[in-house]
């Protein structure tokens, strides 16, 4: 996707063109079944990590993980990044966890 590697006005131009397709209710509905569990997991994680004052120390990291999971669900035909990571570990006989 060309807009991922751009910024400023150039990014905005590409993102606006993409939004015309992606933000139509009919098109959004195609993704809701796959993305709803990702959103629910992200919200649960945010609530668990929130301190007594309602603040999160690692919000940027959590939002990055959420966006990565959403992109993987779309790009990997409904599979999550976690599923992909676990598969890679199994075929390479590694035990490293990234989350």
N, C-alpha and C. Protein backbone atom coordinates (compact mmCIF):
# COMPACT_ATOMS: atom_id res chain seq x y z
N UNK A 1 0.84 -1.17 0.00
CA UNK A 1 0.00 0.00 0.00
C UNK A 1 0.89 1.24 0.00
N UNK A 2 0.80 2.02 -1.03
CA UNK A 2 1.73 3.13 -1.16
C UNK A 2 1.62 4.20 -0.08
N UNK A 3 0.45 4.40 0.50
CA UNK A 3 0.31 5.48 1.48
C UNK A 3 1.00 5.18 2.80
N UNK A 4 1.35 3.93 3.05
CA UNK A 4 1.99 3.57 4.31
C UNK A 4 3.38 4.19 4.44
N UNK A 5 4.03 4.45 3.32
CA UNK A 5 5.41 4.92 3.36
C UNK A 5 5.52 6.41 3.03
N UNK A 6 4.44 7.12 3.19
CA UNK A 6 4.42 8.55 2.90
C UNK A 6 3.97 9.32 4.14
N UNK A 7 4.14 10.63 4.08
CA UNK A 7 3.63 11.45 5.18
C UNK A 7 3.16 12.79 4.64
N UNK A 8 2.59 13.59 5.50
CA UNK A 8 2.14 14.91 5.13
C UNK A 8 1.04 14.91 4.08
N UNK A 9 1.14 15.85 3.15
CA UNK A 9 0.12 16.00 2.11
C UNK A 9 0.03 14.78 1.20
N UNK A 10 1.17 14.18 0.91
CA UNK A 10 1.17 12.99 0.04
C UNK A 10 0.42 11.83 0.71
N UNK A 11 0.67 11.63 2.00
CA UNK A 11 -0.05 10.59 2.74
C UNK A 11 -1.55 10.90 2.74
N UNK A 12 -1.90 12.14 3.01
CA UNK A 12 -3.30 12.55 3.06
C UNK A 12 -4.01 12.29 1.74
N UNK A 13 -3.35 12.58 0.63
CA UNK A 13 -3.93 12.36 -0.69
C UNK A 13 -4.26 10.87 -0.90
N UNK A 14 -3.31 10.01 -0.59
CA UNK A 14 -3.53 8.57 -0.76
C UNK A 14 -4.55 8.03 0.23
N UNK A 15 -4.49 8.49 1.46
CA UNK A 15 -5.43 8.03 2.48
C UNK A 15 -6.86 8.45 2.15
N UNK A 16 -7.03 9.65 1.64
CA UNK A 16 -8.36 10.13 1.26
C UNK A 16 -8.94 9.27 0.14
N UNK A 17 -8.12 8.90 -0.81
CA UNK A 17 -8.58 8.03 -1.91
C UNK A 17 -8.98 6.66 -1.37
N UNK A 18 -8.20 6.13 -0.46
CA UNK A 18 -8.52 4.83 0.13
C UNK A 18 -9.79 4.90 0.97
N UNK A 19 -9.96 5.98 1.70
CA UNK A 19 -11.14 6.12 2.56
C UNK A 19 -12.44 6.08 1.78
N UNK A 20 -12.41 6.57 0.54
CA UNK A 20 -13.63 6.55 -0.29
C UNK A 20 -14.17 5.14 -0.42
N UNK A 21 -13.28 4.18 -0.49
CA UNK A 21 -13.69 2.78 -0.58
C UNK A 21 -13.90 2.17 0.80
N UNK A 22 -12.93 2.34 1.68
CA UNK A 22 -12.92 1.64 2.96
C UNK A 22 -14.01 2.08 3.92
N UNK A 23 -14.44 3.32 3.84
CA UNK A 23 -15.36 3.84 4.84
C UNK A 23 -16.83 3.77 4.42
N UNK A 24 -17.13 3.14 3.32
CA UNK A 24 -18.53 2.93 2.93
C UNK A 24 -19.12 1.89 3.86
N UNK A 25 -20.31 2.14 4.39
CA UNK A 25 -20.91 1.18 5.33
C UNK A 25 -20.96 -0.26 4.80
N UNK A 26 -21.26 -0.42 3.54
CA UNK A 26 -21.31 -1.77 2.95
C UNK A 26 -19.94 -2.45 3.03
N UNK A 27 -18.89 -1.71 2.74
CA UNK A 27 -17.54 -2.26 2.78
C UNK A 27 -17.08 -2.51 4.21
N UNK A 28 -17.42 -1.61 5.11
CA UNK A 28 -17.06 -1.78 6.52
C UNK A 28 -17.72 -3.03 7.08
N UNK A 29 -18.95 -3.29 6.69
CA UNK A 29 -19.69 -4.46 7.18
C UNK A 29 -18.98 -5.77 6.84
N UNK A 30 -18.23 -5.78 5.76
CA UNK A 30 -17.50 -7.00 5.36
C UNK A 30 -16.42 -7.37 6.37
N UNK A 31 -15.93 -6.41 7.13
CA UNK A 31 -14.83 -6.65 8.06
C UNK A 31 -15.27 -6.82 9.51
N UNK A 32 -16.50 -6.49 9.85
CA UNK A 32 -16.88 -6.44 11.26
C UNK A 32 -16.80 -7.78 11.96
N UNK A 33 -17.16 -8.86 11.30
CA UNK A 33 -17.09 -10.16 11.96
C UNK A 33 -15.66 -10.54 12.35
N UNK A 34 -14.71 -10.22 11.49
CA UNK A 34 -13.31 -10.53 11.80
C UNK A 34 -12.72 -9.55 12.81
N UNK A 35 -13.12 -8.28 12.74
CA UNK A 35 -12.49 -7.26 13.58
C UNK A 35 -13.11 -7.11 14.96
N UNK A 36 -14.36 -7.48 15.14
CA UNK A 36 -15.00 -7.33 16.45
C UNK A 36 -14.24 -8.06 17.57
N UNK A 37 -13.78 -9.30 17.37
CA UNK A 37 -13.00 -9.94 18.45
C UNK A 37 -11.69 -9.21 18.74
N UNK A 38 -11.07 -8.64 17.72
CA UNK A 38 -9.83 -7.89 17.92
C UNK A 38 -10.10 -6.64 18.75
N UNK A 39 -11.18 -5.96 18.45
CA UNK A 39 -11.55 -4.75 19.19
C UNK A 39 -11.89 -5.11 20.64
N UNK A 40 -12.64 -6.19 20.83
CA UNK A 40 -13.00 -6.62 22.19
C UNK A 40 -11.75 -6.96 22.99
N UNK A 41 -10.81 -7.69 22.39
CA UNK A 41 -9.55 -8.02 23.08
C UNK A 41 -8.77 -6.76 23.43
N UNK A 42 -8.73 -5.81 22.50
CA UNK A 42 -8.00 -4.57 22.75
C UNK A 42 -8.63 -3.79 23.91
N UNK A 43 -9.94 -3.72 23.92
CA UNK A 43 -10.62 -3.00 25.00
C UNK A 43 -10.39 -3.69 26.35
N UNK A 44 -10.47 -5.01 26.36
CA UNK A 44 -10.19 -5.76 27.61
C UNK A 44 -8.77 -5.49 28.09
N UNK A 45 -7.83 -5.49 27.16
CA UNK A 45 -6.43 -5.23 27.52
C UNK A 45 -6.26 -3.81 28.06
N UNK A 46 -6.91 -2.84 27.43
CA UNK A 46 -6.83 -1.46 27.92
C UNK A 46 -7.38 -1.35 29.33
N UNK A 47 -8.53 -1.97 29.57
CA UNK A 47 -9.14 -1.90 30.89
C UNK A 47 -8.29 -2.58 31.96
N UNK A 48 -7.66 -3.70 31.63
CA UNK A 48 -6.80 -4.41 32.59
C UNK A 48 -5.56 -3.60 32.93
N UNK A 49 -5.04 -2.85 31.98
CA UNK A 49 -3.78 -2.13 32.18
C UNK A 49 -3.97 -0.72 32.73
N UNK A 50 -5.19 -0.28 32.83
CA UNK A 50 -5.47 1.07 33.30
C UNK A 50 -5.20 1.17 34.81
N UNK A 51 -4.53 2.23 35.20
CA UNK A 51 -4.26 2.40 36.63
C UNK A 51 -5.48 3.01 37.33
N UNK A 52 -5.37 3.24 38.62
CA UNK A 52 -6.50 3.75 39.41
C UNK A 52 -6.98 5.11 38.94
N UNK A 53 -6.10 5.88 38.33
CA UNK A 53 -6.47 7.20 37.83
C UNK A 53 -7.04 7.14 36.41
N UNK A 54 -7.14 5.93 35.86
CA UNK A 54 -7.66 5.78 34.50
C UNK A 54 -6.64 6.08 33.42
N UNK A 55 -5.35 5.99 33.76
CA UNK A 55 -4.30 6.29 32.79
C UNK A 55 -3.57 5.02 32.37
N UNK A 56 -3.02 5.08 31.16
CA UNK A 56 -2.26 3.96 30.60
C UNK A 56 -0.84 4.41 30.29
N UNK A 57 0.13 3.68 30.80
CA UNK A 57 1.52 4.03 30.55
C UNK A 57 1.96 3.64 29.15
N UNK A 58 1.37 2.60 28.60
CA UNK A 58 1.83 2.07 27.32
C UNK A 58 0.75 2.12 26.24
N UNK A 59 -0.02 3.19 26.20
CA UNK A 59 -1.11 3.31 25.25
C UNK A 59 -0.64 3.21 23.80
N UNK A 60 0.46 3.87 23.46
CA UNK A 60 0.96 3.82 22.09
C UNK A 60 1.28 2.38 21.67
N UNK A 61 1.91 1.63 22.55
CA UNK A 61 2.24 0.23 22.26
C UNK A 61 0.96 -0.59 22.06
N UNK A 62 -0.03 -0.38 22.91
CA UNK A 62 -1.28 -1.12 22.79
C UNK A 62 -2.02 -0.78 21.50
N UNK A 63 -2.03 0.49 21.14
CA UNK A 63 -2.68 0.89 19.89
C UNK A 63 -1.95 0.34 18.68
N UNK A 64 -0.62 0.28 18.75
CA UNK A 64 0.15 -0.32 17.66
C UNK A 64 -0.22 -1.79 17.50
N UNK A 65 -0.27 -2.52 18.61
CA UNK A 65 -0.63 -3.95 18.56
C UNK A 65 -2.04 -4.14 18.02
N UNK A 66 -2.97 -3.27 18.44
CA UNK A 66 -4.34 -3.36 17.95
C UNK A 66 -4.38 -3.13 16.44
N UNK A 67 -3.70 -2.11 15.96
CA UNK A 67 -3.72 -1.82 14.53
C UNK A 67 -3.05 -2.93 13.74
N UNK A 68 -1.98 -3.53 14.28
CA UNK A 68 -1.32 -4.64 13.61
C UNK A 68 -2.26 -5.84 13.52
N UNK A 69 -2.96 -6.14 14.60
CA UNK A 69 -3.92 -7.25 14.58
C UNK A 69 -5.03 -7.00 13.55
N UNK A 70 -5.53 -5.78 13.49
CA UNK A 70 -6.59 -5.45 12.51
C UNK A 70 -6.08 -5.64 11.09
N UNK A 71 -4.88 -5.13 10.82
CA UNK A 71 -4.32 -5.28 9.48
C UNK A 71 -4.09 -6.74 9.13
N UNK A 72 -3.60 -7.52 10.08
CA UNK A 72 -3.38 -8.95 9.82
C UNK A 72 -4.69 -9.67 9.56
N UNK A 73 -5.72 -9.34 10.32
CA UNK A 73 -7.02 -9.97 10.08
C UNK A 73 -7.48 -9.72 8.66
N UNK A 74 -7.24 -8.53 8.14
CA UNK A 74 -7.63 -8.22 6.76
C UNK A 74 -6.70 -8.88 5.75
N UNK A 75 -5.41 -8.76 5.97
CA UNK A 75 -4.43 -9.24 5.00
C UNK A 75 -4.27 -10.76 5.01
N UNK A 76 -4.52 -11.39 6.15
CA UNK A 76 -4.30 -12.83 6.28
C UNK A 76 -5.60 -13.63 6.29
N UNK A 77 -6.62 -13.08 5.64
CA UNK A 77 -7.88 -13.80 5.47
C UNK A 77 -8.48 -14.25 6.80
N UNK A 78 -8.52 -13.34 7.76
CA UNK A 78 -9.16 -13.63 9.04
C UNK A 78 -8.26 -14.19 10.11
N UNK A 79 -6.97 -14.40 9.81
CA UNK A 79 -6.04 -14.90 10.81
C UNK A 79 -5.38 -13.73 11.51
N UNK A 80 -5.08 -13.91 12.78
CA UNK A 80 -4.47 -12.84 13.55
C UNK A 80 -2.95 -12.89 13.46
N UNK A 81 -2.32 -11.79 13.87
CA UNK A 81 -0.86 -11.76 13.94
C UNK A 81 -0.37 -12.81 14.92
N UNK A 82 -1.09 -12.96 16.02
CA UNK A 82 -0.71 -13.96 17.02
C UNK A 82 -0.73 -15.37 16.41
N UNK A 83 -1.75 -15.68 15.62
CA UNK A 83 -1.82 -16.99 14.97
C UNK A 83 -0.65 -17.17 14.01
N UNK A 84 -0.33 -16.13 13.24
CA UNK A 84 0.80 -16.19 12.32
C UNK A 84 2.09 -16.40 13.09
N UNK A 85 2.27 -15.65 14.16
CA UNK A 85 3.48 -15.77 14.98
C UNK A 85 3.61 -17.18 15.56
N UNK A 86 2.52 -17.73 16.08
CA UNK A 86 2.56 -19.08 16.65
C UNK A 86 2.89 -20.13 15.57
N UNK A 87 2.36 -19.94 14.37
CA UNK A 87 2.66 -20.86 13.27
C UNK A 87 4.15 -20.79 12.93
N UNK A 88 4.69 -19.60 12.83
CA UNK A 88 6.11 -19.44 12.51
C UNK A 88 6.97 -20.10 13.58
N UNK A 89 6.61 -19.92 14.84
CA UNK A 89 7.36 -20.57 15.92
C UNK A 89 7.30 -22.08 15.81
N UNK A 90 6.13 -22.60 15.45
CA UNK A 90 5.99 -24.07 15.38
C UNK A 90 6.81 -24.66 14.24
N UNK A 91 6.87 -23.99 13.10
CA UNK A 91 7.61 -24.56 11.98
C UNK A 91 9.11 -24.30 12.08
N UNK A 92 9.51 -23.36 12.91
CA UNK A 92 10.93 -23.09 13.09
C UNK A 92 11.46 -23.64 14.41
N UNK A 93 10.58 -24.33 15.15
CA UNK A 93 10.94 -24.93 16.44
C UNK A 93 11.50 -23.91 17.42
N UNK A 94 10.94 -22.73 17.45
CA UNK A 94 11.35 -21.69 18.39
C UNK A 94 10.28 -21.56 19.47
N UNK A 95 10.67 -21.00 20.60
CA UNK A 95 9.71 -20.83 21.68
C UNK A 95 9.58 -19.39 22.13
N UNK A 96 10.15 -18.47 21.38
CA UNK A 96 10.13 -17.05 21.75
C UNK A 96 8.73 -16.48 21.62
N UNK A 97 8.31 -15.76 22.64
CA UNK A 97 7.01 -15.08 22.61
C UNK A 97 7.26 -13.58 22.48
N UNK A 98 6.44 -12.91 21.66
CA UNK A 98 6.65 -11.49 21.49
C UNK A 98 5.63 -10.66 22.26
N UNK A 99 4.54 -11.23 22.67
CA UNK A 99 3.55 -10.45 23.41
C UNK A 99 3.74 -10.72 24.87
